[in-house]
Amino acid sequence: MLDKILSAWNFISETLIYIIFPPFCPVCREIVDERGDICPACLEKILRKDFYPGPPAPIEKVMRITTYRGATRNLLRRLKFDSSKSTLPALKKILENVSTDAKVTEFLKGVDVAVFVPLHEERLKRRGYNQVDLIFRDWLTKHKVPVENILVRTKKTPHLFDLTPAERKEILQDAFETINGADIAGKNILIVDDIYTTGATVTECANALKKIGAAQIYVLALASDFGEKNNA
């Protein structure tokens, strides 16, 4: 009897919460089924799942999941700069929506190991988390892609969004190293980042990985404009 009462109470409580505080699409504020959901219309606007033409050497392929504009940009900026983890469910939902996409699953088939673009230790301590890890780790695990923390950011750099491609390249030169004992010789590596802009960051990561024998290097970014806008 008690179980039935508790079950009924939970149902009533959840219903009241839904009525008083319904889940909204974080982009357009339309009501959606579950918290963190992005409505179909907004998803259609941001999803891309395509490749960057002519990726920088030594990178073989660069795939983006979404555009880096309006919706995705606001969600990522709040997570990165405002320490607002409230945007994390929506960002994870974006990945869930492409989990069975043929282009995405085929891309991941060629990967042996994934590595996240690391933060400098001071920034990691200040922020408290690497947003790339929070967004991607569970999703990569579901796709049976192992993640190894073999990259270290040894050079403290400023935020790069206001810098030119040439300035980014200069500042990031030799900014990354691999940990001692990392064994990726002959393996295909996936560098994972939240945003792909000019490619300077992931190129330096790729150079560090190549030094210890990585084979093919790919990049997966949650968001990018692939140069379609100057502020991408």
Protein backbone atom coordinates (compact mmCIF):
# COMPACT_ATOMS: atom_id res chain seq x y z
CA MET A 1 0.00 0.00 0.00
CA LEU A 2 2.79 2.38 0.98
CA ASP A 3 4.53 1.75 -2.35
CA LYS A 4 1.37 2.72 -4.24
CA ILE A 5 1.01 5.92 -2.22
CA LEU A 6 4.65 6.89 -2.82
CA SER A 7 4.33 6.10 -6.52
CA ALA A 8 1.22 8.25 -6.80
CA TRP A 9 2.87 11.08 -4.88
CA ASN A 10 5.94 10.98 -7.14
CA PHE A 11 3.70 11.10 -10.21
CA ILE A 12 1.77 14.07 -8.83
CA SER A 13 4.98 15.88 -7.83
CA GLU A 14 6.58 15.38 -11.23
CA THR A 15 3.41 16.50 -12.99
CA LEU A 16 3.19 19.67 -10.89
CA ILE A 17 6.86 20.47 -11.51
CA TYR A 18 6.33 19.98 -15.25
CA ILE A 19 3.29 22.29 -15.21
CA ILE A 20 4.91 25.01 -13.08
CA PHE A 21 8.41 24.72 -14.51
CA PRO A 22 8.09 23.11 -17.96
CA PRO A 23 11.27 22.17 -19.84
CA PHE A 24 12.24 24.74 -22.47
CA CYS A 25 14.43 24.54 -25.53
CA PRO A 26 17.52 26.51 -24.44
CA VAL A 27 17.63 28.21 -27.83
CA CYS A 28 14.11 29.40 -28.65
CA ARG A 29 12.38 28.78 -25.28
CA GLU A 30 9.69 26.57 -26.80
CA ILE A 31 8.40 23.82 -24.50
CA VAL A 32 10.08 20.45 -25.15
CA ASP A 33 9.61 16.90 -23.80
CA GLU A 34 12.62 16.70 -21.49
CA ARG A 35 14.99 19.11 -19.80
CA GLY A 36 18.05 19.65 -21.95
CA ASP A 37 16.23 18.90 -25.18
CA ILE A 38 16.70 21.20 -28.14
CA CYS A 39 13.61 21.48 -30.29
CA PRO A 40 13.70 19.90 -33.79
CA ALA A 41 13.57 23.28 -35.54
CA CYS A 42 16.62 24.58 -33.67
CA LEU A 43 18.52 21.33 -34.18
CA GLU A 44 17.93 21.55 -37.90
CA LYS A 45 19.47 25.04 -37.91
CA ILE A 46 22.67 24.11 -36.08
CA LEU A 47 23.50 20.50 -37.07
CA ARG A 48 26.10 20.01 -39.83
CA LYS A 49 28.11 16.75 -39.43
CA ASP A 50 30.48 17.67 -42.25
CA PHE A 51 34.21 17.93 -42.92
CA TYR A 52 36.58 20.84 -43.21
CA PRO A 53 37.97 21.14 -46.76
CA GLY A 54 41.76 20.93 -46.77
CA PRO A 55 42.59 20.38 -43.06
CA PRO A 56 46.00 21.65 -41.87
CA ALA A 57 48.86 19.15 -41.88
CA PRO A 58 49.45 16.76 -40.19
CA ILE A 59 45.69 16.37 -39.63
CA GLU A 60 43.80 14.07 -42.00
CA LYS A 61 40.19 15.03 -41.31
CA VAL A 62 38.27 17.58 -39.27
CA MET A 63 34.59 16.95 -38.54
CA ARG A 64 32.19 19.39 -36.90
CA ILE A 65 28.85 18.48 -35.39
CA THR A 66 27.26 21.95 -35.37
CA THR A 67 27.82 25.51 -36.49
CA TYR A 68 29.46 27.88 -34.03
CA ARG A 69 26.80 30.55 -34.12
CA GLY A 70 23.90 31.78 -32.00
CA ALA A 71 22.63 28.73 -30.13
CA THR A 72 25.71 26.54 -29.82
CA ARG A 73 28.01 29.50 -29.28
CA ASN A 74 25.90 30.79 -26.39
CA LEU A 75 25.70 27.37 -24.75
CA LEU A 76 29.46 26.80 -25.00
CA ARG A 77 30.38 30.28 -23.81
CA ARG A 78 28.21 29.91 -20.73
CA LEU A 79 29.85 26.56 -19.93
CA LYS A 80 33.39 27.83 -20.54
CA PHE A 81 33.37 31.38 -19.26
CA ASP A 82 30.41 31.59 -16.87
CA SER A 83 30.97 28.20 -15.23
CA SER A 84 27.36 27.37 -16.02
CA LYS A 85 27.01 23.60 -16.13
CA SER A 86 23.29 24.10 -16.69
CA THR A 87 24.04 24.12 -20.43
CA LEU A 88 25.71 20.70 -20.31
CA PRO A 89 22.52 18.62 -20.76
CA ALA A 90 21.68 20.50 -23.96
CA LEU A 91 25.21 20.06 -25.33
CA LYS A 92 25.12 16.34 -24.55
CA LYS A 93 21.71 16.07 -26.20
CA ILE A 94 23.26 17.43 -29.40
CA LEU A 95 25.72 14.53 -29.39
CA GLU A 96 22.97 12.03 -28.60
CA ASN A 97 21.08 13.25 -31.66
CA VAL A 98 23.98 12.30 -33.94
CA SER A 99 24.96 9.05 -32.20
CA THR A 100 23.47 6.85 -34.91
CA ASP A 101 24.29 9.12 -37.85
CA ALA A 102 26.12 7.03 -40.48
CA LYS A 103 28.67 9.73 -41.24
CA VAL A 104 29.58 10.11 -37.57
CA THR A 105 29.79 6.40 -36.78
CA GLU A 106 31.91 5.75 -39.87
CA PHE A 107 34.27 8.55 -38.87
CA LEU A 108 34.73 7.07 -35.39
CA LYS A 109 35.44 3.56 -36.76
CA GLY A 110 38.94 4.55 -37.79
CA VAL A 111 39.90 5.82 -34.33
CA ASP A 112 42.08 3.89 -31.88
CA VAL A 113 42.37 6.50 -29.12
CA ALA A 114 40.74 9.87 -28.39
CA VAL A 115 42.51 12.72 -26.60
CA PHE A 116 40.96 15.92 -25.31
CA VAL A 117 42.61 19.27 -25.95
CA PRO A 118 43.94 20.02 -22.45
CA LEU A 119 43.71 23.21 -20.43
CA HIS A 120 46.73 24.74 -18.76
CA GLU A 121 46.82 23.64 -15.11
CA GLU A 122 46.13 27.18 -13.85
CA ARG A 123 43.04 27.56 -16.03
CA LEU A 124 41.86 24.07 -15.12
CA LYS A 125 42.18 24.90 -11.43
CA ARG A 126 40.32 28.18 -11.86
CA ARG A 127 37.51 26.73 -13.99
CA GLY A 128 37.32 23.45 -12.12
CA TYR A 129 36.80 21.27 -15.18
CA ASN A 130 37.77 20.74 -18.79
CA GLN A 131 34.55 21.41 -20.69
CA VAL A 132 35.61 19.08 -23.52
CA ASP A 133 35.82 16.18 -21.07
CA LEU A 134 32.39 16.97 -19.63
CA ILE A 135 30.76 17.14 -23.06
CA PHE A 136 32.38 14.19 -24.81
CA ARG A 137 33.67 11.51 -22.41
CA ASP A 138 30.42 9.60 -21.82
CA TRP A 139 29.48 9.82 -25.48
CA LEU A 140 32.83 8.46 -26.64
CA THR A 141 32.59 5.64 -24.09
CA LYS A 142 29.21 4.65 -25.56
CA HIS A 143 30.90 4.50 -28.96
CA LYS A 144 33.67 2.32 -27.48
CA VAL A 145 36.35 4.91 -28.23
CA PRO A 146 38.95 4.85 -25.43
CA VAL A 147 40.08 8.20 -24.03
CA GLU A 148 43.64 8.76 -22.84
CA ASN A 149 44.94 11.89 -21.13
CA ILE A 150 48.31 11.96 -22.86
CA LEU A 151 48.50 15.62 -23.82
CA VAL A 152 49.65 18.37 -21.48
CA ARG A 153 49.39 22.10 -22.07
CA THR A 154 52.77 23.36 -20.88
CA LYS A 155 52.43 26.94 -22.07
CA LYS A 156 50.01 29.38 -20.46
CA THR A 157 48.24 31.28 -23.23
CA PRO A 158 45.56 34.00 -23.25
CA HIS A 159 42.08 33.48 -24.65
CA LEU A 160 42.45 33.32 -28.42
CA PHE A 161 39.12 34.53 -29.75
CA ASP A 162 40.31 38.10 -30.45
CA LEU A 163 43.59 37.07 -32.10
CA THR A 164 44.41 36.70 -35.79
CA PRO A 165 45.36 33.29 -37.21
CA ALA A 166 49.02 34.36 -37.35
CA GLU A 167 48.95 35.51 -33.72
CA ARG A 168 47.33 32.27 -32.61
CA LYS A 169 49.91 30.20 -34.42
CA GLU A 170 52.78 32.11 -32.83
CA ILE A 171 51.36 32.00 -29.31
CA LEU A 172 50.54 28.29 -29.49
CA GLN A 173 53.87 27.15 -30.88
CA ASP A 174 55.22 24.32 -28.69
CA ALA A 175 52.34 24.81 -26.24
CA PHE A 176 51.63 21.07 -25.93
CA GLU A 177 53.62 18.00 -24.93
CA THR A 178 52.83 14.33 -24.42
CA ILE A 179 53.26 12.65 -21.06
CA ASN A 180 56.22 10.36 -20.46
CA GLY A 181 55.50 6.79 -21.42
CA ALA A 182 52.59 7.53 -23.73
CA ASP A 183 52.41 4.68 -26.23
CA ILE A 184 50.46 5.63 -29.36
CA ALA A 185 52.95 4.54 -32.00
CA GLY A 186 51.10 3.44 -35.12
CA LYS A 187 47.68 4.34 -33.69
CA ASN A 188 45.04 6.57 -35.22
CA ILE A 189 44.30 9.41 -32.84
CA LEU A 190 41.19 11.55 -32.53
CA ILE A 191 41.77 15.02 -31.08
CA VAL A 192 38.54 16.27 -29.51
CA ASP A 193 37.73 19.91 -28.85
CA ASP A 194 34.64 21.98 -28.22
CA ILE A 195 35.36 24.61 -30.88
CA TYR A 196 37.40 24.55 -34.09
CA THR A 197 38.38 28.03 -35.24
CA THR A 198 41.59 28.50 -37.22
CA GLY A 199 42.96 25.04 -36.40
CA ALA A 200 46.03 26.41 -34.64
CA THR A 201 45.34 24.65 -31.34
CA VAL A 202 44.65 21.19 -32.74
CA THR A 203 47.57 21.48 -35.17
CA GLU A 204 49.98 22.01 -32.28
CA CYS A 205 48.38 19.06 -30.48
CA ALA A 206 48.79 16.95 -33.62
CA ASN A 207 52.47 17.92 -33.94
CA ALA A 208 53.11 16.76 -30.37
CA LEU A 209 51.36 13.44 -31.06
CA LYS A 210 53.25 12.90 -34.30
CA LYS A 211 56.54 13.24 -32.43
CA ILE A 212 55.81 10.03 -30.54
CA GLY A 213 54.66 8.02 -33.54
CA ALA A 214 50.93 8.66 -34.03
CA ALA A 215 49.68 7.40 -37.40
CA GLN A 216 46.58 9.15 -38.75
CA ILE A 217 45.26 12.13 -36.80
CA TYR A 218 41.64 13.24 -36.94
CA VAL A 219 39.79 16.07 -35.21
CA LEU A 220 36.23 16.17 -33.90
CA ALA A 221 34.77 19.51 -32.83
CA LEU A 222 31.36 20.09 -31.37
CA ALA A 223 31.12 23.44 -33.15
CA SER A 224 32.79 25.37 -35.95
CA ASP A 225 31.96 27.76 -38.74
CA PHE A 226 34.84 26.42 -40.86
CA GLY A 227 35.77 29.96 -41.80
CA GLU A 228 32.28 30.77 -43.03
CA LYS A 229 32.29 33.78 -40.69
CA ASN A 230 35.25 35.80 -39.53
CA ASN A 231 34.25 35.46 -35.90
CA ALA A 232 33.88 31.68 -36.02
